[in-house]
Each structure stands twice: as C-alpha cells, then as structure tokens.
Amino acid sequence: MSQNKEALVQQILKLSESIFNAIPITIPIEWLSSDLTVAQLRVLLVLKTHGPNRMSRIASVLEVALPTATGIVDNLVKKGLVEREADSQDRRLVICKLSTEGKNLINRLWLSGQFQMENLLDGLTVEDLRKAANVARILFDNVSRNAGKASGGETR
C-alpha cells in the first residue's frame, strides 16, 4: 500500500472513530427487554450471517466447545428463536436455523442500527447525501468484490 493510500486509510479510520465517539449511545429496547445472554446473541448472529448450520460449525465459529454450543442452542430452542431439523442429505446430522421469531428479533436489532444511521444522515444537504450515497456504493462494491474472491477460494 502506498504511503499516500495508507495515510488516507488512517484518516478515514480516525474520522470513523470520531463519529462513533460523537454519537450518543443508545441501546435498542429489544436488547434491554430480551432475556438473551451475550452467548445466545452471538449464536443468533452466526445463524443470521452464516445461515443454517450444524452444531459443530456453530461451535467452531464461536470458538467454544461443542457441549457449550449445544447448551446455548438448547436455550434458544426453548425460547422459540432457533429450530433444529434433520439434514436432508444425512438424517444423522442436525441443522440449526433461525425460527421466524429469531429472524424477526435479528431484523428488529438491524432496524435499530438503521435508525442510528438515519440520525447520522439527518441534517445533510441533498448534495452531501449524494456524496454519502456514492461512498456507500463504493464501499458496497468493494465488499461485494472481496466476498466474490473469498467464495472463489482466494485470500485477501
């Protein structure tokens, strides 16, 4: 990375940190009103980002022992947030996936983040919003390219 590019990346990172520190901290009501543990929330996020998965994969992603992951998922099943089903290819394998209620909860958490973004954009002129939209598109395109590389077996 050239020195100029490195300096720009560092400038963006510092500005991002300043923005983060300037935004008043708000905790979504869904987080306060739920009885989810951090570990349970992590499992829900893994299932949201990685899709339906075997217990061993969930444990691996979370870097916890299989019995620990099983206990966390058991509690999420009792709460109606996760469902288990047999793998269609191998009935011995059990696949965990978000239930409709689990998907709704994760979506509500996402929407609270979207509300924060709306507050961040509030007060910008139309021209500034166009610039912000352009930056968002550039970042999205970059993420999409990198995701394509990762799924194709390439490393970053």
Protein backbone atom coordinates (compact mmCIF):
# COMPACT_ATOMS: atom_id res chain seq x y z
CA MET A 1 0.00 0.00 0.00
CA SER A 2 1.46 3.37 -0.94
CA GLN A 3 2.17 5.87 1.77
CA ASN A 4 -0.50 8.22 0.44
CA LYS A 5 -3.10 5.42 0.41
CA GLU A 6 -2.07 4.35 3.93
CA ALA A 7 -2.42 7.93 5.17
CA LEU A 8 -5.91 8.19 3.66
CA VAL A 9 -6.97 4.88 5.20
CA GLN A 10 -5.72 6.08 8.60
CA GLN A 11 -7.56 9.39 8.16
CA ILE A 12 -10.81 7.55 7.38
CA LEU A 13 -10.35 5.25 10.38
CA LYS A 14 -9.71 8.18 12.72
CA LEU A 15 -12.74 10.05 11.40
CA SER A 16 -14.86 6.91 11.79
CA GLU A 17 -13.74 6.62 15.40
CA SER A 18 -14.53 10.30 16.00
CA ILE A 19 -18.00 9.83 14.50
CA PHE A 20 -18.58 6.76 16.66
CA ASN A 21 -17.49 8.65 19.81
CA ALA A 22 -19.67 11.67 18.95
CA ILE A 23 -22.87 9.65 18.54
CA PRO A 24 -24.86 9.37 21.78
CA ILE A 25 -25.00 5.77 22.90
CA THR A 26 -28.47 4.32 22.63
CA ILE A 27 -29.29 0.75 23.42
CA PRO A 28 -32.15 -0.70 21.41
CA ILE A 29 -35.18 -1.56 23.54
CA GLU A 30 -35.05 -5.08 22.06
CA TRP A 31 -31.71 -5.62 23.77
CA LEU A 32 -32.94 -4.31 27.11
CA SER A 33 -36.27 -6.12 27.03
CA SER A 34 -34.93 -9.50 25.96
CA ASP A 35 -33.52 -12.08 28.32
CA LEU A 36 -30.81 -13.11 25.87
CA THR A 37 -27.29 -13.68 27.06
CA VAL A 38 -24.35 -12.42 25.02
CA ALA A 39 -23.58 -16.01 24.05
CA GLN A 40 -27.14 -16.52 22.80
CA LEU A 41 -27.00 -13.31 20.80
CA ARG A 42 -23.72 -14.49 19.25
CA VAL A 43 -25.38 -17.75 18.14
CA LEU A 44 -28.26 -15.81 16.59
CA LEU A 45 -25.80 -13.60 14.73
CA VAL A 46 -23.84 -16.63 13.50
CA LEU A 47 -27.04 -18.19 12.15
CA LYS A 48 -28.01 -14.88 10.54
CA THR A 49 -24.64 -14.38 8.85
CA HIS A 50 -23.73 -18.00 8.06
CA GLY A 51 -27.23 -19.37 7.55
CA PRO A 52 -28.48 -22.74 8.83
CA ASN A 53 -25.58 -24.78 10.19
CA ARG A 54 -24.53 -27.89 12.04
CA MET A 55 -23.79 -27.58 15.73
CA SER A 56 -20.10 -28.33 15.17
CA ARG A 57 -19.81 -25.38 12.77
CA ILE A 58 -21.57 -23.05 15.23
CA ALA A 59 -19.19 -24.15 17.99
CA SER A 60 -16.22 -23.65 15.67
CA VAL A 61 -17.26 -20.14 14.61
CA LEU A 62 -17.88 -19.14 18.24
CA GLU A 63 -14.67 -20.88 19.35
CA VAL A 64 -16.45 -22.78 22.11
CA ALA A 65 -16.70 -26.47 22.95
CA LEU A 66 -19.47 -28.45 21.28
CA PRO A 67 -21.33 -29.10 24.58
CA THR A 68 -21.27 -25.35 25.32
CA ALA A 69 -22.74 -24.51 21.91
CA THR A 70 -25.34 -27.25 22.35
CA GLY A 71 -26.43 -25.80 25.70
CA ILE A 72 -26.74 -22.30 24.24
CA VAL A 73 -28.76 -23.56 21.29
CA ASP A 74 -30.97 -25.66 23.61
CA ASN A 75 -31.95 -22.47 25.44
CA LEU A 76 -32.61 -20.64 22.17
CA VAL A 77 -34.82 -23.51 21.01
CA LYS A 78 -36.79 -23.27 24.30
CA LYS A 79 -37.23 -19.53 23.66
CA GLY A 80 -38.51 -20.25 20.15
CA LEU A 81 -35.68 -18.37 18.44
CA VAL A 82 -33.89 -21.34 16.87
CA GLU A 83 -35.19 -24.54 15.27
CA ARG A 84 -33.46 -27.85 14.71
CA GLU A 85 -34.11 -30.11 11.75
CA ALA A 86 -32.53 -33.18 10.21
CA ASP A 87 -30.17 -32.61 7.28
CA SER A 88 -31.89 -33.60 4.03
CA GLN A 89 -28.69 -35.33 2.81
CA ASP A 90 -27.81 -37.12 6.05
CA ARG A 91 -30.59 -37.64 8.60
CA ARG A 92 -28.00 -38.23 11.34
CA LEU A 93 -26.92 -34.59 11.13
CA VAL A 94 -28.93 -31.87 12.84
CA ILE A 95 -29.11 -28.42 11.30
CA CYS A 96 -29.84 -25.35 13.43
CA LYS A 97 -31.58 -22.38 11.89
CA LEU A 98 -33.29 -19.19 12.97
CA SER A 99 -37.00 -19.56 13.57
CA THR A 100 -39.38 -16.92 12.28
CA GLU A 101 -39.30 -15.32 15.72
CA GLY A 102 -35.48 -15.42 15.71
CA LYS A 103 -35.35 -13.78 12.28
CA ASN A 104 -37.78 -11.10 13.47
CA LEU A 105 -35.64 -10.37 16.52
CA ILE A 106 -32.45 -10.02 14.47
CA ASN A 107 -34.29 -7.81 11.98
CA ARG A 108 -35.50 -5.53 14.80
CA LEU A 109 -31.91 -5.23 16.04
CA TRP A 110 -30.80 -4.39 12.50
CA LEU A 111 -33.53 -1.76 12.20
CA SER A 112 -32.32 -0.07 15.38
CA GLY A 113 -28.89 0.25 13.74
CA GLN A 114 -30.56 1.62 10.63
CA PHE A 115 -32.30 4.21 12.81
CA GLN A 116 -28.87 5.28 14.11
CA MET A 117 -27.68 5.68 10.52
CA GLU A 118 -30.73 7.78 9.67
CA ASN A 119 -29.88 10.05 12.61
CA LEU A 120 -26.31 10.30 11.34
CA LEU A 121 -27.55 11.41 7.90
CA ASP A 122 -30.18 13.78 9.26
CA GLY A 123 -29.35 17.41 8.51
CA LEU A 124 -27.16 16.72 5.49
CA THR A 125 -27.87 18.65 2.31
CA VAL A 126 -29.06 16.83 -0.79
CA GLU A 127 -25.59 17.28 -2.31
CA ASP A 128 -23.92 15.82 0.79
CA LEU A 129 -26.39 12.91 0.74
CA ARG A 130 -25.46 12.25 -2.90
CA LYS A 131 -21.79 12.15 -1.90
CA ALA A 132 -22.57 9.84 1.04
CA ALA A 133 -24.60 7.57 -1.27
CA ASN A 134 -21.65 7.45 -3.68
CA VAL A 135 -19.27 6.49 -0.87
CA ALA A 136 -21.72 3.84 0.36
CA ARG A 137 -21.91 2.41 -3.19
CA ILE A 138 -18.10 2.35 -3.49
CA LEU A 139 -17.81 0.52 -0.14
CA PHE A 140 -20.56 -1.92 -1.09
CA ASP A 141 -18.92 -2.67 -4.43
CA ASN A 142 -15.61 -3.31 -2.65
CA VAL A 143 -17.26 -5.65 -0.14
CA SER A 144 -19.01 -7.47 -2.99
CA ARG A 145 -15.73 -7.92 -4.87
CA ASN A 146 -14.00 -9.22 -1.73
CA ALA A 147 -16.89 -11.58 -0.98
CA GLY A 148 -16.58 -12.96 -4.51
CA LYS A 149 -12.86 -13.53 -4.00
CA ALA A 150 -13.45 -15.25 -0.66
CA SER A 151 -16.09 -17.59 -2.07
CA GLY A 152 -13.81 -18.38 -5.01
CA GLY A 153 -11.09 -19.62 -2.67
CA GLU A 154 -8.88 -16.56 -2.95
CA THR A 155 -7.49 -14.88 0.14
CA ARG A 156 -7.50 -11.18 0.84
